Amino acid sequence: MMASGTFAYAESPINGRTPPPKLYISADGVHSIAYNEQGDVWYWGGMGDFEFSDWKLRDNTPIRMGTMKQIAQVSSNLFLKKDGTVWTWSAGPAPVDGSDRRLQFQIQDPVQLDLADVVKVAAGDSFHSAVKKDGFVWVWRPVPHGYGDTPIQIPNISDAADIAFANWSGQSKLTIVGKDGSVWTWEGATAFGGIAPVKAQRVDGLSNVASVFAGDECFFAIRKDGSVWGWRSNLRGQLGLDEQKIVDSPVRLSALDGMVAIQGSFDRSLGLKKDGTVWSWGITLYTFPEYGAKIDPSLHQVAGLDNIAAIASGGAHHLAVRSDGTLWAWGSNENGQLGDGTFRSSDKPIRIDLK
């Protein structure tokens, strides 16, 4: 129940270009997670209870999941600890007293997965992935508290440095950056929803890449020289290009130069510049184009945000952390994913308090 809709986006690393935030964030569908250096973890969005025929959302202010020390990264429902172990957890309605007519929202305790020496994790809608210290990449189909399939190793990748998932109609596509700066993609779904040990395919036209980021049905790559490249869908202006089309090969996105992190949601793409400002492009409203939203691929600065150290995007909501550790949220809020205790959407960032 963690993933909602067709989007699952990990937190945004800053690659050492701005001071690390005191608070770290991850967003997924209509859910959000925050955690601090002390190991405190908060969760909000989509929390509600069901009593036969009546679903009631709660106020959805952030609640403490508990404490998990030495967290290195959170990606959706995956926790990577600094010792290289990986943990997973689930949240959602569970039967009360064994009855399926009364369900209560519950957050389960994290469970350790059988993975060791991991340095990076990424959660997609249909697959999860991990990079180990030796550079090998492992993928598996997730279910709550465990594996749907035994993790398999992508056979031709042995020097991975970064990974990111994008999603197409519920299917996840993995992009991998090699330590040599090369970029690869992997699609291992079978007709029956499992995974197959297929090889990754190299993305032509990209070299000296430092990091990759997933957008909505598209990818962004930041090269070591700071230039930004993108490919795949620009049908909603999510690559920042004027022409709405599918871009088969990576193209230079000069307007995005200076970005250190990029996150995608259905309605727009979000970018963080090294000067701490946040910019967005794509659909201008939190509704679908056929209902009157305008597609605008040009960059617009998000007003009221400066000195930002990290960003994250869910299905149609966004989070940002200032360098002082304060948390801000904006976008759709019909499921309480902003965390302000209301269900009012906001096109302006609002401060969210963690208790």
Protein backbone atom coordinates (compact mmCIF):
# COMPACT_ATOMS: atom_id res chain seq x y z
CA MET A 1 0.00 0.00 0.00
CA MET A 2 2.99 2.30 0.10
CA ALA A 3 3.08 3.13 -3.59
CA SER A 4 0.04 5.00 -4.84
CA GLY A 5 -0.73 5.84 -8.44
CA THR A 6 2.13 5.24 -10.84
CA PHE A 7 4.87 7.32 -9.31
CA ALA A 8 7.62 6.53 -6.83
CA TYR A 9 10.42 8.98 -6.49
CA ALA A 10 13.45 8.85 -4.27
CA GLU A 11 15.04 11.63 -2.32
CA SER A 12 17.36 14.08 -4.08
CA PRO A 13 21.08 13.80 -3.38
CA ILE A 14 23.00 17.04 -3.57
CA ASN A 15 26.40 15.61 -4.59
CA GLY A 16 28.22 17.77 -2.06
CA ARG A 17 27.52 21.03 -3.92
CA THR A 18 25.47 22.57 -1.11
CA PRO A 19 25.59 21.87 2.63
CA PRO A 20 23.71 18.66 3.47
CA PRO A 21 20.26 19.22 4.96
CA LYS A 22 19.53 18.51 8.59
CA LEU A 23 16.30 16.90 7.44
CA TYR A 24 16.00 14.40 4.58
CA ILE A 25 12.90 13.73 2.48
CA SER A 26 11.31 11.21 0.15
CA ALA A 27 7.94 11.31 -1.63
CA ASP A 28 5.85 8.63 -3.31
CA GLY A 29 2.39 8.96 -4.85
CA VAL A 30 0.28 10.59 -2.13
CA HIS A 31 2.75 9.80 0.67
CA SER A 32 5.73 11.61 2.14
CA ILE A 33 8.57 10.66 4.48
CA ALA A 34 11.06 12.76 6.41
CA TYR A 35 13.93 11.66 8.63
CA ASN A 36 16.71 13.39 10.51
CA GLU A 37 20.27 12.60 11.48
CA GLN A 38 19.12 11.32 14.87
CA GLY A 39 17.11 8.56 13.18
CA ASP A 40 13.61 9.94 13.76
CA VAL A 41 11.26 9.06 10.90
CA TRP A 42 7.93 10.72 10.04
CA TYR A 43 5.19 9.61 7.63
CA TRP A 44 2.09 11.36 6.27
CA GLY A 45 -0.38 11.32 3.39
CA GLY A 46 -3.17 8.93 2.46
CA MET A 47 -3.83 7.82 6.02
CA GLY A 48 -7.43 6.78 6.62
CA ASP A 49 -9.68 4.13 8.15
CA PHE A 50 -12.47 2.08 6.61
CA GLU A 51 -15.69 0.93 8.20
CA PHE A 52 -17.90 -0.97 5.75
CA SER A 53 -18.81 1.33 2.83
CA ASP A 54 -17.27 4.42 4.45
CA TRP A 55 -13.66 5.52 3.95
CA LYS A 56 -12.50 8.37 6.15
CA LEU A 57 -9.17 10.11 5.72
CA ARG A 58 -7.41 11.33 8.85
CA ASP A 59 -5.98 14.82 9.29
CA ASN A 60 -2.64 13.57 7.89
CA THR A 61 -0.22 15.62 9.88
CA PRO A 62 3.20 13.90 10.07
CA ILE A 63 3.35 11.05 12.56
CA ARG A 64 6.44 9.36 13.91
CA MET A 65 7.06 5.93 12.49
CA GLY A 66 9.66 5.35 15.16
CA THR A 67 13.42 5.55 15.20
CA MET A 68 15.92 3.93 12.87
CA LYS A 69 19.51 4.89 13.58
CA GLN A 70 22.26 5.34 11.00
CA ILE A 71 20.02 5.86 7.97
CA ALA A 72 21.97 6.50 4.79
CA GLN A 73 19.05 6.81 2.34
CA VAL A 74 15.28 6.36 2.08
CA SER A 75 13.59 5.60 -1.23
CA SER A 76 9.85 5.07 -0.92
CA ASN A 77 9.47 2.02 1.38
CA LEU A 78 13.18 1.12 1.34
CA PHE A 79 15.61 2.14 4.08
CA LEU A 80 19.34 1.85 3.46
CA LYS A 81 21.44 1.95 6.62
CA LYS A 82 25.05 3.06 6.84
CA ASP A 83 26.12 -0.53 7.55
CA GLY A 84 24.93 -1.53 4.04
CA THR A 85 21.78 -3.38 5.15
CA VAL A 86 18.41 -2.76 3.50
CA TRP A 87 15.08 -2.63 5.31
CA THR A 88 11.51 -2.40 4.00
CA TRP A 89 8.22 -1.50 5.59
CA SER A 90 4.55 -1.21 4.67
CA ALA A 91 1.76 1.20 5.57
CA GLY A 92 -1.94 0.99 4.86
CA PRO A 93 -5.31 -0.30 6.03
CA ALA A 94 -5.23 -3.55 8.02
CA PRO A 95 -8.16 -5.57 9.41
CA VAL A 96 -9.25 -4.80 12.96
CA ASP A 97 -10.04 -7.90 15.03
CA GLY A 98 -9.86 -10.03 11.90
CA SER A 99 -12.75 -8.24 10.21
CA ASP A 100 -12.57 -7.15 6.57
CA ARG A 101 -15.46 -4.74 7.21
CA ARG A 102 -13.36 -2.57 9.48
CA LEU A 103 -9.85 -1.53 8.48
CA GLN A 104 -7.50 0.75 10.37
CA PHE A 105 -4.45 2.47 8.92
CA GLN A 106 -1.29 0.99 10.39
CA ILE A 107 2.45 1.42 9.90
CA GLN A 108 4.36 -1.83 10.27
CA ASP A 109 7.83 -2.12 11.77
CA PRO A 110 10.66 -2.26 9.20
CA VAL A 111 11.88 -5.72 8.23
CA GLN A 112 15.44 -6.42 7.08
CA LEU A 113 15.95 -7.81 3.58
CA ASP A 114 18.59 -10.36 2.67
CA LEU A 115 20.98 -7.83 1.13
CA ALA A 116 24.38 -6.70 2.38
CA ASP A 117 27.11 -4.23 1.39
CA VAL A 118 24.58 -1.98 -0.37
CA VAL A 119 25.52 1.63 -1.17
CA LYS A 120 22.43 2.84 -3.07
CA VAL A 121 18.76 1.83 -3.34
CA ALA A 122 15.97 2.89 -5.68
CA ALA A 123 12.27 2.03 -5.49
CA GLY A 124 10.09 1.87 -8.57
CA ASP A 125 6.44 0.97 -8.98
CA SER A 126 7.03 -2.58 -10.15
CA PHE A 127 10.69 -3.18 -9.25
CA HIS A 128 13.20 -2.22 -6.59
CA SER A 129 16.95 -2.09 -7.08
CA ALA A 130 20.18 -1.92 -5.10
CA VAL A 131 23.82 -1.19 -5.93
CA LYS A 132 26.43 -3.06 -3.90
CA LYS A 133 29.95 -1.93 -3.02
CA ASP A 134 31.33 -4.13 -5.77
CA GLY A 135 29.34 -2.17 -8.39
CA PHE A 136 26.89 -4.97 -9.21
CA VAL A 137 23.20 -4.07 -9.52
CA TRP A 138 20.42 -6.26 -8.13
CA VAL A 139 16.70 -6.00 -8.90
CA TRP A 140 13.59 -7.59 -7.43
CA ARG A 141 9.81 -7.35 -7.56
CA PRO A 142 8.59 -6.06 -4.20
CA VAL A 143 5.75 -7.12 -1.97
CA PRO A 144 5.14 -5.78 1.55
CA HIS A 145 7.81 -6.95 3.99
CA GLY A 146 9.88 -8.97 1.60
CA TYR A 147 10.54 -10.05 -1.97
CA GLY A 148 8.07 -11.04 -4.63
CA ASP A 149 10.97 -12.64 -6.46
CA THR A 150 14.47 -13.53 -5.35
CA PRO A 151 16.76 -10.61 -6.30
CA ILE A 152 18.63 -11.15 -9.53
CA GLN A 153 21.84 -9.54 -10.71
CA ILE A 154 21.87 -7.57 -13.94
CA PRO A 155 24.44 -9.65 -15.83
CA ASN A 156 26.51 -7.03 -17.67
CA ILE A 157 26.84 -4.24 -15.07
CA SER A 158 29.77 -4.36 -12.65
CA ASP A 159 30.73 -0.75 -11.99
CA ALA A 160 27.48 1.08 -11.14
CA ALA A 161 27.72 4.42 -9.35
CA ASP A 162 24.10 5.68 -9.43
CA ILE A 163 20.60 4.41 -10.27
CA ALA A 164 17.15 5.90 -10.80
CA PHE A 165 13.70 4.54 -11.71
CA ALA A 166 11.11 6.12 -13.98
CA ASN A 167 7.68 4.59 -14.54
CA TRP A 168 5.53 3.99 -17.60
CA SER A 169 1.94 2.82 -16.97
CA GLY A 170 2.95 1.11 -13.75
CA GLN A 171 6.12 -0.47 -15.17
CA SER A 172 9.52 0.60 -13.93
CA LYS A 173 12.52 1.35 -16.12
CA LEU A 174 15.92 1.53 -14.44
CA THR A 175 18.74 3.84 -15.51
CA ILE A 176 22.28 3.18 -14.31
CA VAL A 177 25.38 5.37 -14.29
CA GLY A 178 28.69 3.56 -14.47
CA LYS A 179 31.75 4.74 -12.60
CA ASP A 180 33.24 5.59 -16.00
CA GLY A 181 30.35 8.03 -16.65
CA SER A 182 28.46 5.78 -19.08
CA VAL A 183 24.66 5.43 -18.86
CA TRP A 184 22.62 2.24 -19.19
CA THR A 185 18.93 1.29 -19.05
CA TRP A 186 17.32 -1.95 -17.92
CA GLU A 187 13.81 -3.29 -18.48
CA GLY A 188 13.35 -6.78 -17.10
CA ALA A 189 9.60 -7.22 -16.81
CA THR A 190 8.12 -10.48 -18.06
CA ALA A 191 4.64 -10.97 -19.47
CA PHE A 192 3.57 -12.43 -16.12
CA GLY A 193 4.87 -9.57 -13.99
CA GLY A 194 8.11 -11.26 -12.92
CA ILE A 195 11.69 -10.38 -13.76
CA ALA A 196 14.21 -11.85 -16.17
CA PRO A 197 18.04 -11.69 -16.13
CA VAL A 198 18.24 -9.53 -19.25
CA LYS A 199 21.20 -7.31 -20.01
CA ALA A 200 21.20 -3.56 -19.60
CA GLN A 201 21.42 -1.50 -22.78
CA ARG A 202 23.88 1.36 -23.14
CA VAL A 203 22.43 4.82 -23.85
CA ASP A 204 24.31 6.25 -26.82
CA GLY A 205 25.38 9.87 -26.80
CA LEU A 206 26.10 10.20 -23.06
CA SER A 207 29.49 10.17 -21.34
CA ASN A 208 31.11 11.68 -18.25
CA VAL A 209 27.78 11.56 -16.41
CA ALA A 210 27.84 12.17 -12.65
CA SER A 211 24.21 11.39 -11.73
CA VAL A 212 20.81 10.49 -13.15
CA PHE A 213 17.32 11.50 -12.07
CA ALA A 214 13.89 10.16 -12.97
CA GLY A 215 11.10 12.35 -14.26
CA ASP A 216 7.61 11.42 -15.41
CA GLU A 217 8.30 8.88 -18.17
CA CYS A 218 11.65 10.52 -18.79
CA PHE A 219 15.22 10.71 -17.51
CA PHE A 220 17.68 13.49 -16.78
CA ALA A 221 21.46 13.10 -16.67
CA ILE A 222 23.85 15.64 -15.19
CA ARG A 223 27.33 15.44 -16.66
CA LYS A 224 30.48 16.20 -14.71
CA ASP A 225 30.78 19.51 -16.56
CA GLY A 226 27.38 20.55 -15.16
CA SER A 227 25.43 20.24 -18.40
CA VAL A 228 21.99 18.59 -18.23
CA TRP A 229 20.69 16.08 -20.75
CA GLY A 230 17.27 14.45 -21.07
CA TRP A 231 15.39 11.88 -23.09
CA ARG A 232 12.10 10.03 -23.54
CA SER A 233 8.69 11.70 -23.03
CA ASN A 234 8.16 15.44 -23.39
CA LEU A 235 4.42 15.09 -24.07
CA ARG A 236 3.63 17.24 -21.03
CA GLY A 237 6.67 19.49 -21.34
CA GLN A 238 8.46 17.55 -18.62
CA LEU A 239 11.86 17.76 -20.35
CA GLY A 240 11.53 21.51 -20.75
CA LEU A 241 11.44 21.36 -24.57
CA ASP A 242 8.98 23.41 -26.63
CA GLU A 243 7.85 20.57 -28.90
CA GLN A 244 5.63 17.95 -27.28
CA LYS A 245 7.09 14.66 -28.48
CA ILE A 246 9.02 11.52 -27.58
CA VAL A 247 12.78 12.13 -27.55
CA ASP A 248 14.52 8.86 -28.38
CA SER A 249 18.13 9.99 -27.83
CA PRO A 250 19.53 12.27 -25.10
CA VAL A 251 19.52 15.96 -25.96
CA ARG A 252 21.21 18.88 -24.25
CA LEU A 253 18.81 20.86 -22.06
CA SER A 254 20.70 24.14 -21.81
CA ALA A 255 17.91 25.82 -19.82
CA LEU A 256 18.52 23.33 -17.01
CA ASP A 257 22.26 23.89 -16.68
CA GLY A 258 23.14 24.63 -13.07
CA MET A 259 20.72 22.05 -11.68
CA VAL A 260 22.12 19.71 -9.04
CA ALA A 261 18.93 17.67 -8.53
CA ILE A 262 15.80 17.06 -10.62
CA GLN A 263 12.58 15.35 -9.53
CA GLY A 264 9.48 14.48 -11.53
CA SER A 265 5.76 14.21 -10.83
CA PHE A 266 2.83 13.77 -13.19
CA ASP A 267 2.10 17.47 -13.52
CA ARG A 268 5.60 18.92 -13.71
CA SER A 269 9.33 18.56 -13.25
CA LEU A 270 11.13 20.20 -10.37
CA GLY A 271 14.77 21.28 -10.31
CA LEU A 272 17.15 22.48 -7.61
CA LYS A 273 19.96 24.81 -8.64
CA LYS A 274 23.29 25.02 -6.86
CA ASP A 275 22.36 28.50 -5.65
CA GLY A 276 19.54 26.98 -3.57
CA THR A 277 16.65 28.15 -5.76
CA VAL A 278 13.88 25.79 -6.97
CA TRP A 279 12.38 25.82 -10.46
CA SER A 280 9.48 23.99 -12.14
CA TRP A 281 8.33 23.33 -15.69
CA GLY A 282 5.62 21.28 -17.39
CA ILE A 283 1.89 21.35 -16.59
CA THR A 284 1.01 24.57 -14.77
CA LEU A 285 -1.99 23.29 -12.79
CA TYR A 286 -2.60 20.24 -10.61
CA THR A 287 -5.09 18.74 -13.07
CA PHE A 288 -4.84 16.85 -16.34
CA PRO A 289 -4.49 18.78 -19.64
CA GLU A 290 -7.94 17.74 -20.87
CA TYR A 291 -9.48 19.61 -17.93
CA GLY A 292 -7.90 22.92 -18.83
CA ALA A 293 -4.36 22.83 -17.45
CA LYS A 294 -1.73 24.51 -19.55
CA ILE A 295 1.48 22.86 -20.69
CA ASP A 296 4.35 25.29 -20.22
CA PRO A 297 7.87 23.88 -20.72
CA SER A 298 9.58 27.13 -19.71
CA LEU A 299 11.23 27.37 -16.29
CA HIS A 300 9.46 29.20 -13.47
CA GLN A 301 11.08 29.86 -10.13
CA VAL A 302 9.10 28.59 -7.15
CA ALA A 303 8.43 31.75 -5.15
CA GLY A 304 9.20 31.85 -1.47
CA LEU A 305 11.95 29.21 -1.53
CA ASP A 306 15.63 29.99 -1.11
CA ASN A 307 18.65 28.30 0.45
CA ILE A 308 17.10 24.93 -0.41
CA ALA A 309 19.21 21.85 0.21
CA ALA A 310 16.93 19.01 -1.00
CA ILE A 311 13.75 18.45 -3.01
CA ALA A 312 11.35 15.54 -3.56
CA SER A 313 8.23 14.96 -5.67
CA GLY A 314 5.32 12.57 -5.30
CA GLY A 315 2.49 12.06 -7.76
CA ALA A 316 1.44 15.73 -7.76
CA HIS A 317 2.95 17.21 -4.62
CA HIS A 318 6.41 18.52 -3.83
CA LEU A 319 8.67 18.88 -0.79
CA ALA A 320 11.70 21.04 -0.09
CA VAL A 321 14.09 21.36 2.85
CA ARG A 322 15.90 24.58 3.58
CA SER A 323 19.49 24.51 4.75
CA ASP A 324 18.18 25.49 8.20
CA GLY A 325 16.27 22.18 8.32
CA THR A 326 12.74 23.58 7.85
CA LEU A 327 10.30 21.57 5.71
CA TRP A 328 8.06 23.05 3.00
CA ALA A 329 5.35 21.45 0.84
CA TRP A 330 3.05 22.47 -2.03
CA GLY A 331 0.88 20.94 -4.74
CA SER A 332 -2.11 18.61 -4.55
CA ASN A 333 -3.43 17.77 -1.09
CA GLU A 334 -6.60 15.75 -1.62
CA ASN A 335 -5.07 12.90 0.39
CA GLY A 336 -3.32 15.03 2.98
CA GLN A 337 0.06 14.56 1.30
CA LEU A 338 1.20 18.08 2.17
CA GLY A 339 0.99 17.30 5.88
CA ASP A 340 -0.60 20.53 7.10
CA GLY A 341 -3.68 18.83 8.59
CA THR A 342 -6.02 20.03 5.82
CA PHE A 343 -7.04 18.76 2.41
CA ARG A 344 -6.57 22.09 0.65
CA SER A 345 -4.12 22.12 -2.26
CA SER A 346 -1.63 24.96 -2.43
CA ASP A 347 0.36 26.40 -5.32
CA LYS A 348 2.59 28.18 -2.81
CA PRO A 349 5.00 26.37 -0.45
CA ILE A 350 3.72 26.13 3.12
CA ARG A 351 5.82 25.26 6.16
CA ILE A 352 5.22 21.84 7.70
CA ASP A 353 6.01 21.21 11.34
CA LEU A 354 7.34 17.88 12.57
CA LYS A 355 6.62 16.90 16.17
